Amino acid sequence: MVNFVLAGHDFGYEVQTAIQIFFPNRHYYPAVSVPPEGMVVKSVYTENSAEACLFIDGAPVAESVLDHSADISEKDKKHIIKEAVFNVLSKFTGYTPKWGMITGVRPAKTASELSAEGLSDREILEYFTGRFRVSEDKAALALKVSRAEKEILEENRPEDMSIYIGIPFCPTRCLYCSFTSYPIDRYAKKADEYIAALSRELRFIAENIKGRRIRSLYIGGGTPTSLSENQFEALIDSVCGNFDTESVEEFTVEAGRPDTITPNKLKAMRKAGVSRISVNPQTMNQKTLDIIGRRHSVEDIKNAFYMARAEGFENINMDLILGLPEEGIEDVENTMLEIESLSPESITVHTLAVKRASRLKENIFSYDLAAADDMDKMINLAAGYAEKMGLEPYYMYRQKAMLGNFENVGYCRRGCQSIYNIEIMEEKQTVIAAGAGGATKLYDPVKNELVRVFNVKSVEDYLARLDEMLVRKVKAFSLNRW
């Protein structure tokens, strides 16, 4: 637990997010005064300075004072308050995070916005390294990804949009997972009802987007292929029956877990024109697969990959997670060697995030997790293998509670970028989401604004309240330019 005390300001969010950079997976509570026990950050703002002091058991152990002019903007006021806290915690821990003070999800989007404002590459890099104390290599990564994303975004047409279809079922729930997902063995009968309800929503969407081009269509989850073969084919038939999938530039199915992939499901995808799939091992170490709750082997991963290749899929992504419990650098190297031998068109390299609703969070002290220095080595190792495989970074995002405050990066061969991933990160296109937990984003290109429309998360609520979800969309469609 970490307490924080505010004096002369009420920007508690900025103080808390700065603390989270150094002490993730803690509880953070505001206090009126410095208590005699525990760790406390006191943040003081005056007319001429922002001060931060760290107390341990009532005694001051580190402090930072930053002077400023009296007439700074509220944005700069928030920044200097956060910077003072950052300074004092960096001094105390002896650690300067690679992403510096940045806590946002989309650093590449920030680089894109700065470029659109007319800043040069050098000025963008200086903005990251100077104002936010980002390391030179991470600043360069953000800029490189923004350039890759720009190539895809420049091909957007005003009438373009994307569709996301959520399937919230999985064979099992992994140790680290906090997504809304339901074990398919317990929800098999509900899955039939779910697909029928989802088909209604897809029909409604199709009727309301006439004249629009679907640039990317993404079926994700959960694990869409956890459905039975009949259920999966019913889903694919509904998608193809409602949308002109032949004109879709990119049609992705997140096949995901290798133990759910069958020849018949792959054939159904090929027949429907699916152009990109994911086969997601997360690790190629059997001991780790067992720890995280996967009910398949490393050989199952390879077999699923070869099965997809034999069926004719030429754009396969593989998701990996670095920092999984009990894994060290040697384990990551083994994973990368195995992935290199398979030669997928893209890999998405995630840093483990300890999510609040995950079983890992509930049992955090039962596992050895990688320290920041080791995470840095793992990330660099994976990036080196990606480069060796001819894969370049093309999209990136960050999450709260990531080990070492690092990032997730998608790497691909040229021409194999996931259009959907870029659109959802840059938020320059309407994305209409169907299914439980779906988050529709209506993009207004004139105002450069997003309006979000949320579906309920649970399967039961979705089935019971589908009409309400459709009314929400009708209202949002009618009130907003998109």
Protein backbone atom coordinates (compact mmCIF):
# COMPACT_ATOMS: atom_id res chain seq x y z
CA MET A 1 0.00 0.00 0.00
CA VAL A 2 1.19 3.53 -0.82
CA ASN A 3 -0.46 6.64 0.63
CA PHE A 4 -0.24 10.08 -0.92
CA VAL A 5 -0.89 13.51 0.57
CA LEU A 6 -1.79 16.58 -1.51
CA ALA A 7 -1.17 20.17 -0.45
CA GLY A 8 -1.96 23.25 -2.55
CA HIS A 9 -3.57 21.26 -5.37
CA ASP A 10 -6.06 18.46 -6.06
CA PHE A 11 -4.32 16.62 -8.91
CA GLY A 12 -4.38 13.24 -7.20
CA TYR A 13 -4.60 11.34 -10.48
CA GLU A 14 -1.25 12.71 -11.67
CA VAL A 15 0.39 11.86 -8.36
CA GLN A 16 -1.05 8.35 -8.29
CA THR A 17 -0.05 7.52 -11.87
CA ALA A 18 3.51 8.66 -11.15
CA ILE A 19 3.61 6.35 -8.12
CA GLN A 20 2.26 3.46 -10.20
CA ILE A 21 5.20 3.73 -12.59
CA PHE A 22 7.56 2.67 -9.80
CA PHE A 23 5.25 0.62 -7.58
CA PRO A 24 2.73 -1.23 -9.77
CA ASN A 25 0.27 -3.75 -8.33
CA ARG A 26 -0.12 -1.83 -5.07
CA HIS A 27 -3.13 -0.11 -3.51
CA TYR A 28 -3.00 3.70 -3.52
CA TYR A 29 -4.89 5.78 -0.99
CA PRO A 30 -5.11 9.55 -0.39
CA ALA A 31 -4.39 10.69 3.16
CA VAL A 32 -4.88 13.98 4.99
CA SER A 33 -1.47 13.89 6.68
CA VAL A 34 1.64 11.74 6.76
CA PRO A 35 0.94 8.67 8.95
CA PRO A 36 3.67 7.26 11.19
CA GLU A 37 3.91 3.96 9.29
CA GLY A 38 4.24 2.85 5.69
CA MET A 39 5.25 4.53 2.47
CA VAL A 40 3.82 8.00 1.79
CA VAL A 41 4.35 10.49 -1.02
CA LYS A 42 3.58 14.11 -0.14
CA SER A 43 3.02 16.44 -3.10
CA VAL A 44 3.01 20.20 -2.46
CA TYR A 45 2.25 22.91 -5.00
CA THR A 46 2.98 26.58 -4.33
CA GLU A 47 2.98 29.71 -6.45
CA ASN A 48 6.62 29.18 -7.39
CA SER A 49 7.39 25.49 -6.96
CA ALA A 50 6.22 21.88 -7.07
CA GLU A 51 7.65 19.74 -4.31
CA ALA A 52 7.52 16.02 -3.59
CA CYS A 53 8.79 14.17 -0.55
CA LEU A 54 8.85 10.45 0.15
CA PHE A 55 8.34 9.30 3.73
CA ILE A 56 9.04 5.82 5.07
CA ASP A 57 7.53 5.16 8.51
CA GLY A 58 7.09 8.88 9.06
CA ALA A 59 10.68 9.86 8.18
CA PRO A 60 11.59 11.77 4.98
CA VAL A 61 13.97 9.76 2.78
CA ALA A 62 13.98 11.66 -0.56
CA GLU A 63 12.69 14.92 -1.95
CA SER A 64 12.47 16.91 -5.18
CA VAL A 65 11.74 20.61 -5.72
CA LEU A 66 10.99 22.08 -9.15
CA ASP A 67 10.67 25.84 -9.62
CA HIS A 68 8.16 27.30 -12.07
CA SER A 69 6.69 30.62 -13.14
CA ALA A 70 3.49 31.81 -11.50
CA ASP A 71 1.36 31.87 -14.66
CA ILE A 72 1.80 28.35 -16.07
CA SER A 73 -1.15 26.57 -17.72
CA GLU A 74 -3.13 23.87 -15.94
CA LYS A 75 -1.58 21.27 -18.28
CA ASP A 76 1.93 22.36 -17.30
CA LYS A 77 0.89 22.53 -13.66
CA LYS A 78 -0.18 18.87 -13.78
CA HIS A 79 3.04 17.98 -15.57
CA ILE A 80 5.38 19.61 -13.07
CA ILE A 81 3.52 18.06 -10.13
CA LYS A 82 3.89 14.62 -11.73
CA GLU A 83 7.53 15.30 -12.59
CA ALA A 84 8.40 16.17 -8.99
CA VAL A 85 6.91 12.86 -7.80
CA PHE A 86 8.68 11.03 -10.62
CA ASN A 87 12.00 12.59 -9.58
CA VAL A 88 11.71 11.66 -5.95
CA LEU A 89 10.75 8.04 -6.67
CA SER A 90 13.47 7.67 -9.30
CA LYS A 91 15.98 8.97 -6.75
CA PHE A 92 14.69 6.57 -4.07
CA THR A 93 14.56 3.45 -6.26
CA GLY A 94 17.66 4.22 -8.32
CA TYR A 95 15.62 3.35 -11.40
CA THR A 96 14.72 5.47 -14.41
CA PRO A 97 11.99 3.71 -16.44
CA LYS A 98 12.59 3.43 -20.18
CA TRP A 99 9.24 5.13 -20.87
CA GLY A 100 9.99 7.86 -18.37
CA MET A 101 6.88 9.68 -17.18
CA ILE A 102 4.63 8.40 -19.94
CA THR A 103 1.66 6.45 -18.61
CA GLY A 104 -0.57 6.64 -21.70
CA VAL A 105 -1.64 3.66 -23.79
CA ARG A 106 -0.65 5.02 -27.22
CA PRO A 107 2.80 6.66 -27.41
CA ALA A 108 2.96 6.14 -31.19
CA LYS A 109 -0.30 8.05 -31.54
CA THR A 110 1.31 10.93 -29.66
CA ALA A 111 4.18 10.87 -32.16
CA SER A 112 1.66 10.90 -35.03
CA GLU A 113 -0.17 13.88 -33.55
CA LEU A 114 3.07 15.81 -33.08
CA SER A 115 4.01 15.08 -36.69
CA ALA A 116 0.59 16.32 -37.85
CA GLU A 117 1.27 19.57 -35.95
CA GLY A 118 4.39 20.07 -38.07
CA LEU A 119 7.14 18.91 -35.73
CA SER A 120 10.19 17.31 -37.33
CA ASP A 121 11.45 13.86 -36.37
CA ARG A 122 14.20 15.45 -34.28
CA GLU A 123 11.69 17.64 -32.46
CA ILE A 124 9.42 14.66 -31.77
CA LEU A 125 12.31 12.69 -30.31
CA GLU A 126 13.31 15.66 -28.16
CA TYR A 127 9.71 16.00 -26.95
CA PHE A 128 9.76 12.42 -25.69
CA THR A 129 13.28 12.41 -24.25
CA GLY A 130 13.12 15.94 -22.82
CA ARG A 131 9.63 16.62 -21.55
CA PHE A 132 8.79 13.02 -20.58
CA ARG A 133 12.27 11.62 -19.87
CA VAL A 134 11.78 8.70 -22.28
CA SER A 135 14.93 6.78 -23.26
CA GLU A 136 16.26 7.40 -26.77
CA ASP A 137 15.53 3.83 -27.92
CA LYS A 138 11.87 3.94 -26.79
CA ALA A 139 11.38 7.40 -28.31
CA ALA A 140 12.79 6.07 -31.58
CA LEU A 141 10.45 3.06 -31.36
CA ALA A 142 7.40 5.30 -30.93
CA LEU A 143 8.44 7.37 -33.95
CA LYS A 144 9.16 4.30 -36.09
CA VAL A 145 5.79 2.74 -35.26
CA SER A 146 3.98 6.01 -36.01
CA ARG A 147 5.60 6.06 -39.46
CA ALA A 148 4.51 2.47 -40.14
CA GLU A 149 0.98 3.24 -39.01
CA LYS A 150 0.85 6.33 -41.20
CA GLU A 151 1.33 4.20 -44.33
CA ILE A 152 -1.85 2.29 -43.52
CA LEU A 153 -3.87 5.29 -42.31
CA GLU A 154 -3.14 7.27 -45.47
CA GLU A 155 -5.14 4.67 -47.40
CA ASN A 156 -8.30 5.26 -45.32
CA ARG A 157 -11.26 6.62 -47.26
CA PRO A 158 -13.90 8.84 -45.63
CA GLU A 159 -16.52 6.08 -45.96
CA ASP A 160 -14.28 3.37 -44.47
CA MET A 161 -14.98 1.63 -41.20
CA SER A 162 -14.04 -1.55 -39.35
CA ILE A 163 -16.11 -4.23 -37.63
CA TYR A 164 -15.15 -6.09 -34.44
CA ILE A 165 -17.06 -9.24 -33.44
CA GLY A 166 -16.46 -10.53 -29.92
CA ILE A 167 -16.71 -14.19 -28.90
CA PRO A 168 -16.31 -14.29 -25.11
CA PHE A 169 -15.62 -18.02 -24.70
CA CYS A 170 -12.36 -19.86 -23.96
CA PRO A 171 -11.38 -23.47 -23.25
CA THR A 172 -9.95 -22.35 -19.88
CA ARG A 173 -9.08 -19.04 -18.27
CA CYS A 174 -5.34 -18.39 -18.26
CA LEU A 175 -3.57 -17.34 -15.07
CA TYR A 176 -2.89 -13.78 -16.30
CA CYS A 177 -6.22 -13.15 -18.03
CA SER A 178 -8.73 -10.53 -16.91
CA PHE A 179 -10.85 -10.47 -20.06
CA THR A 180 -14.55 -11.22 -19.93
CA SER A 181 -14.41 -14.84 -21.02
CA TYR A 182 -16.43 -17.93 -20.16
CA PRO A 183 -15.29 -21.59 -20.12
CA ILE A 184 -16.87 -23.16 -23.17
CA ASP A 185 -17.49 -26.52 -21.48
CA ARG A 186 -19.87 -24.80 -19.03
CA TYR A 187 -21.40 -22.42 -21.57
CA ALA A 188 -21.80 -24.74 -24.58
CA LYS A 189 -25.61 -24.41 -24.62
CA LYS A 190 -25.44 -20.67 -24.00
CA ALA A 191 -23.11 -20.41 -26.98
CA ASP A 192 -25.93 -21.37 -29.34
CA GLU A 193 -28.14 -18.62 -27.89
CA TYR A 194 -25.23 -16.21 -28.04
CA ILE A 195 -24.58 -16.81 -31.75
CA ALA A 196 -28.29 -16.34 -32.50
CA ALA A 197 -28.33 -13.03 -30.60
CA LEU A 198 -25.05 -11.95 -32.17
CA SER A 199 -26.49 -12.68 -35.62
CA ARG A 200 -29.35 -10.27 -34.82
CA GLU A 201 -26.86 -7.57 -33.91
CA LEU A 202 -24.80 -8.20 -37.05
CA ARG A 203 -27.95 -7.96 -39.19
CA PHE A 204 -28.81 -4.67 -37.49
CA ILE A 205 -25.31 -3.30 -38.11
CA ALA A 206 -25.38 -4.37 -41.77
CA GLU A 207 -28.68 -2.53 -42.29
CA ASN A 208 -27.24 0.65 -40.80
CA ILE A 209 -23.91 0.83 -42.64
CA LYS A 210 -25.10 0.60 -46.23
CA GLY A 211 -22.84 2.64 -48.48
CA ARG A 212 -19.86 2.25 -46.16
CA ARG A 213 -16.79 0.17 -46.99
CA ILE A 214 -15.60 -2.31 -44.37
CA ARG A 215 -11.83 -2.03 -44.53
CA SER A 216 -11.13 -4.58 -41.79
CA LEU A 217 -13.27 -7.20 -40.10
CA TYR A 218 -11.93 -8.81 -36.93
CA ILE A 219 -13.37 -11.75 -34.99
CA GLY A 220 -11.74 -11.83 -31.56
CA GLY A 221 -12.39 -12.85 -28.01
CA GLY A 222 -11.94 -14.82 -25.88
CA THR A 223 -11.17 -17.57 -28.32
CA PRO A 224 -13.56 -17.68 -31.30
CA THR A 225 -12.41 -21.19 -32.25
CA SER A 226 -13.42 -22.52 -28.81
CA LEU A 227 -16.90 -22.81 -30.36
CA SER A 228 -17.84 -26.24 -31.68
CA GLU A 229 -17.41 -26.78 -35.42
CA ASN A 230 -21.15 -26.36 -36.00
CA GLN A 231 -21.29 -23.22 -33.86
CA PHE A 232 -18.22 -21.78 -35.53
CA GLU A 233 -19.60 -22.43 -39.01
CA ALA A 234 -22.90 -20.78 -37.95
CA LEU A 235 -20.92 -17.73 -36.85
CA ILE A 236 -18.97 -17.56 -40.11
CA ASP A 237 -22.18 -18.04 -42.14
CA SER A 238 -23.81 -15.16 -40.25
CA VAL A 239 -20.85 -12.86 -40.91
CA CYS A 240 -20.74 -13.71 -44.62
CA GLY A 241 -24.53 -13.47 -44.89
CA ASN A 242 -24.61 -9.96 -43.47
CA PHE A 243 -21.46 -8.39 -44.90
CA ASP A 244 -19.77 -8.35 -48.28
CA THR A 245 -16.64 -10.10 -47.08
CA GLU A 246 -15.22 -10.33 -50.61
CA SER A 247 -14.68 -6.56 -50.64
CA VAL A 248 -13.14 -6.46 -47.15
CA GLU A 249 -9.45 -5.61 -47.35
CA GLU A 250 -8.54 -7.61 -44.24
CA PHE A 251 -10.58 -10.38 -42.59
CA THR A 252 -8.98 -11.65 -39.37
CA VAL A 253 -9.95 -14.45 -37.02
CA GLU A 254 -8.12 -14.72 -33.73
CA ALA A 255 -7.95 -18.50 -33.72
CA GLY A 256 -5.75 -18.24 -30.66
CA ARG A 257 -5.52 -21.42 -28.65
CA PRO A 258 -4.04 -24.27 -30.70
CA ASP A 259 -6.17 -26.85 -28.90
CA THR A 260 -9.28 -25.26 -30.45
CA ILE A 261 -8.09 -25.24 -34.07
CA THR A 262 -9.40 -28.03 -36.32
CA PRO A 263 -9.19 -28.70 -40.07
CA ASN A 264 -12.92 -28.05 -40.50
CA LYS A 265 -12.73 -24.66 -38.77
CA LEU A 266 -9.75 -23.70 -40.94
CA LYS A 267 -11.64 -24.80 -44.04
CA ALA A 268 -14.64 -22.70 -42.99
CA MET A 269 -12.38 -19.68 -42.59
CA ARG A 270 -10.69 -20.18 -45.96
CA LYS A 271 -14.04 -20.57 -47.70
CA ALA A 272 -15.25 -17.33 -46.11
CA GLY A 273 -12.19 -15.43 -47.31
CA VAL A 274 -10.41 -15.01 -43.97
CA SER A 275 -7.02 -13.53 -44.89
CA ARG A 276 -5.27 -13.39 -41.52
CA ILE A 277 -5.34 -15.61 -38.44
CA SER A 278 -3.57 -15.81 -35.10
CA VAL A 279 -2.15 -18.95 -33.53
CA ASN A 280 -1.15 -17.78 -30.07
CA PRO A 281 1.30 -19.84 -28.01
CA GLN A 282 2.32 -17.08 -25.51
CA THR A 283 5.36 -19.27 -24.75
CA MET A 284 7.03 -22.31 -26.27
CA ASN A 285 8.06 -23.72 -22.88
CA GLN A 286 5.93 -26.59 -21.62
CA LYS A 287 6.55 -25.87 -17.94
CA THR A 288 5.14 -22.37 -18.41
CA LEU A 289 2.13 -23.56 -20.41
CA ASP A 290 1.29 -25.79 -17.44
CA ILE A 291 1.71 -22.94 -14.93
CA ILE A 292 -0.54 -20.53 -16.80
CA GLY A 293 -3.31 -23.09 -17.25
CA ARG A 294 -3.01 -24.05 -20.90
CA ARG A 295 -4.24 -27.56 -21.67
CA HIS A 296 -2.06 -28.16 -24.67
CA SER A 297 1.55 -28.93 -25.52
CA VAL A 298 4.26 -27.14 -27.46
CA GLU A 299 3.79 -29.79 -30.16
CA ASP A 300 0.09 -28.86 -30.36
CA ILE A 301 1.14 -25.28 -31.17
CA LYS A 302 3.41 -26.44 -33.98
CA ASN A 303 0.79 -28.81 -35.36
CA ALA A 304 -1.87 -26.09 -35.40
CA PHE A 305 0.53 -23.77 -37.22
CA TYR A 306 1.42 -26.39 -39.83
CA MET A 307 -2.27 -27.25 -40.23
CA ALA A 308 -3.03 -23.59 -41.01
CA ARG A 309 -0.17 -23.45 -43.49
CA ALA A 310 -1.39 -26.63 -45.21
CA GLU A 311 -4.85 -25.08 -45.50
CA GLY A 312 -3.31 -22.15 -47.39
CA PHE A 313 -3.03 -19.37 -44.80
CA GLU A 314 -0.17 -17.05 -45.75
CA ASN A 315 -0.58 -14.38 -43.07
CA ILE A 316 -0.29 -15.94 -39.62
CA ASN A 317 0.35 -14.00 -36.42
CA MET A 318 1.64 -15.49 -33.18
CA ASP A 319 1.18 -13.78 -29.79
CA LEU A 320 3.89 -14.06 -27.15
CA ILE A 321 4.07 -12.85 -23.56
CA LEU A 322 7.38 -11.95 -21.95
CA GLY A 323 7.76 -12.09 -18.17
CA LEU A 324 5.44 -15.03 -17.58
CA PRO A 325 5.77 -16.60 -14.10
CA GLU A 326 9.01 -18.51 -13.51
CA GLU A 327 10.42 -17.65 -16.97
CA GLY A 328 13.93 -16.29 -17.40
CA ILE A 329 15.92 -15.02 -20.36
CA GLU A 330 16.89 -18.55 -21.41
CA ASP A 331 13.20 -19.50 -21.61
CA VAL A 332 12.45 -16.48 -23.79
CA GLU A 333 15.35 -17.38 -26.08
CA ASN A 334 13.97 -20.89 -26.46
CA THR A 335 10.57 -19.47 -27.36
CA MET A 336 12.09 -17.14 -29.96
CA LEU A 337 14.15 -19.95 -31.50
CA GLU A 338 11.01 -22.08 -31.85
CA ILE A 339 9.05 -19.18 -33.36
CA GLU A 340 11.88 -18.43 -35.77
CA SER A 341 11.73 -22.03 -37.02
CA LEU A 342 8.00 -21.62 -37.77
CA SER A 343 8.54 -18.30 -39.58
CA PRO A 344 5.16 -16.58 -39.06
CA GLU A 345 4.39 -13.38 -40.97
CA SER A 346 3.91 -11.45 -37.73
CA ILE A 347 4.43 -11.74 -34.01
CA THR A 348 2.95 -9.65 -31.23
CA VAL A 349 5.29 -9.43 -28.27
CA HIS A 350 3.49 -8.53 -25.03
CA THR A 351 4.95 -7.57 -21.68
CA LEU A 352 3.12 -9.37 -18.89
CA ALA A 353 0.55 -7.10 -17.23
CA VAL A 354 -0.68 -8.13 -13.80
CA LYS A 355 -4.38 -7.34 -14.18
CA ARG A 356 -6.52 -6.63 -11.14
CA ALA A 357 -9.15 -9.26 -12.06
CA SER A 358 -6.68 -12.04 -12.89
CA ARG A 359 -5.84 -15.11 -10.84
CA LEU A 360 -2.20 -14.02 -11.05
CA LYS A 361 -3.04 -10.82 -9.18
CA GLU A 362 -4.90 -12.79 -6.52
CA ASN A 363 -1.86 -15.02 -5.98
CA ILE A 364 0.90 -12.59 -6.90
CA PHE A 365 3.27 -13.68 -4.12
CA SER A 366 3.15 -17.32 -5.21
CA TYR A 367 5.19 -16.68 -8.36
CA ASP A 368 8.60 -15.34 -9.30
CA LEU A 369 8.18 -12.51 -11.82
CA ALA A 370 10.93 -10.84 -13.83
CA ALA A 371 12.53 -7.63 -12.55
CA ALA A 372 12.69 -4.54 -14.78
CA ASP A 373 16.30 -5.13 -15.86
CA ASP A 374 15.51 -8.70 -16.92
CA MET A 375 12.36 -7.54 -18.72
CA ASP A 376 14.48 -5.04 -20.66
CA LYS A 377 16.84 -7.86 -21.73
CA MET A 378 13.92 -10.09 -22.73
CA ILE A 379 12.32 -7.33 -24.80
CA ASN A 380 15.60 -6.55 -26.55
CA LEU A 381 16.16 -10.26 -27.20
CA ALA A 382 12.72 -10.63 -28.79
CA ALA A 383 13.24 -7.46 -30.87
CA GLY A 384 16.55 -8.85 -32.11
CA TYR A 385 14.93 -12.10 -33.20
CA ALA A 386 12.12 -10.19 -34.91
CA GLU A 387 14.68 -8.21 -36.89
CA LYS A 388 16.53 -11.42 -37.78
CA MET A 389 13.23 -12.85 -39.05
CA GLY A 390 12.67 -9.80 -41.27
CA LEU A 391 9.86 -8.41 -39.08
CA GLU A 392 9.53 -4.67 -38.43
CA PRO A 393 7.57 -2.96 -35.61
CA TYR A 394 4.27 -1.61 -36.95
CA TYR A 395 2.01 -1.06 -33.94
CA MET A 396 2.39 -0.66 -30.21
CA TYR A 397 0.39 -0.08 -27.06
CA ARG A 398 0.94 -0.01 -23.33
CA GLN A 399 -1.13 -1.15 -20.33
CA LYS A 400 -1.27 -0.47 -16.64
CA ALA A 401 0.58 -2.81 -14.27
CA MET A 402 3.04 -4.03 -16.90
CA LEU A 403 6.25 -5.48 -15.54
CA GLY A 404 8.91 -2.77 -15.72
CA ASN A 405 6.43 -0.30 -17.25
CA PHE A 406 7.30 -1.51 -20.77
CA GLU A 407 5.14 -2.08 -23.88
CA ASN A 408 3.48 -4.48 -26.33
CA VAL A 409 4.79 -4.40 -29.91
CA GLY A 410 3.51 -5.94 -33.11
CA TYR A 411 6.19 -6.94 -35.65
CA CYS A 412 5.47 -8.04 -39.21
CA ARG A 413 6.83 -8.60 -42.68
CA ARG A 414 6.17 -5.71 -45.00
CA GLY A 415 2.63 -5.91 -46.35
CA CYS A 416 1.40 -8.08 -43.46
CA GLN A 417 0.41 -5.30 -41.04
CA SER A 418 -2.86 -5.82 -39.20
CA ILE A 419 -5.04 -2.97 -40.44
CA TYR A 420 -7.47 -3.49 -37.57
CA ASN A 421 -4.74 -3.23 -34.93
CA ILE A 422 -3.56 0.07 -36.38
CA GLU A 423 -7.06 1.50 -36.68
CA ILE A 424 -7.95 0.61 -33.09
CA MET A 425 -4.71 2.17 -31.80
CA GLU A 426 -4.72 5.38 -33.83
CA GLU A 427 -8.49 5.94 -33.51
CA LYS A 428 -8.91 7.63 -36.88
CA GLN A 429 -11.72 5.43 -38.15
CA THR A 430 -15.12 4.24 -36.95
CA VAL A 431 -15.02 0.76 -35.43
CA ILE A 432 -18.40 -0.85 -34.75
CA ALA A 433 -18.26 -3.64 -32.19
CA ALA A 434 -20.76 -6.47 -31.83
CA GLY A 435 -21.11 -8.96 -29.00
CA ALA A 436 -20.74 -8.98 -25.24
CA GLY A 437 -18.26 -6.38 -24.03
CA GLY A 438 -18.06 -4.70 -27.44
CA ALA A 439 -16.95 -1.05 -27.46
CA THR A 440 -18.09 0.82 -30.57
CA LYS A 441 -16.06 3.91 -31.48
CA LEU A 442 -17.76 6.37 -33.85
CA TYR A 443 -15.16 8.68 -35.38
CA ASP A 444 -16.07 12.18 -36.52
CA PRO A 445 -13.38 13.22 -39.03
CA VAL A 446 -14.54 16.85 -39.03
CA LYS A 447 -14.19 17.32 -35.27
CA ASN A 448 -11.53 14.61 -34.90
CA GLU A 449 -13.56 13.17 -32.02
CA LEU A 450 -14.72 9.75 -30.87
CA VAL A 451 -18.06 8.78 -29.39
CA ARG A 452 -18.04 5.44 -27.55
CA VAL A 453 -21.04 3.12 -27.31
CA PHE A 454 -20.67 0.13 -24.99
CA ASN A 455 -22.35 -3.26 -24.98
CA VAL A 456 -22.88 -5.00 -21.64
CA LYS A 457 -20.08 -7.38 -20.69
CA SER A 458 -21.63 -10.61 -19.47
CA VAL A 459 -23.13 -13.23 -21.77
CA GLU A 460 -26.31 -13.40 -19.68
CA ASP A 461 -26.81 -9.63 -19.76
CA TYR A 462 -26.12 -9.52 -23.49
CA LEU A 463 -28.77 -12.16 -24.18
CA ALA A 464 -31.31 -10.44 -21.92
CA ARG A 465 -30.60 -6.85 -23.00
CA LEU A 466 -29.77 -7.10 -26.70
CA ASP A 467 -32.68 -4.83 -27.68
CA GLU A 468 -31.30 -2.20 -25.32
CA MET A 469 -27.87 -2.50 -27.00
CA LEU A 470 -29.45 -1.95 -30.43
CA VAL A 471 -31.33 1.12 -29.19
CA ARG A 472 -28.05 2.53 -27.88
CA LYS A 473 -26.48 2.12 -31.30
CA VAL A 474 -29.48 3.61 -33.12
CA LYS A 475 -29.33 6.69 -30.92
CA ALA A 476 -25.57 7.06 -31.31
CA PHE A 477 -25.71 6.56 -35.09
CA SER A 478 -28.40 9.21 -35.45
CA LEU A 479 -26.72 11.82 -33.25
CA ASN A 480 -23.16 11.61 -34.52
CA ARG A 481 -21.30 12.23 -37.77
CA TRP A 482 -19.26 9.16 -38.71
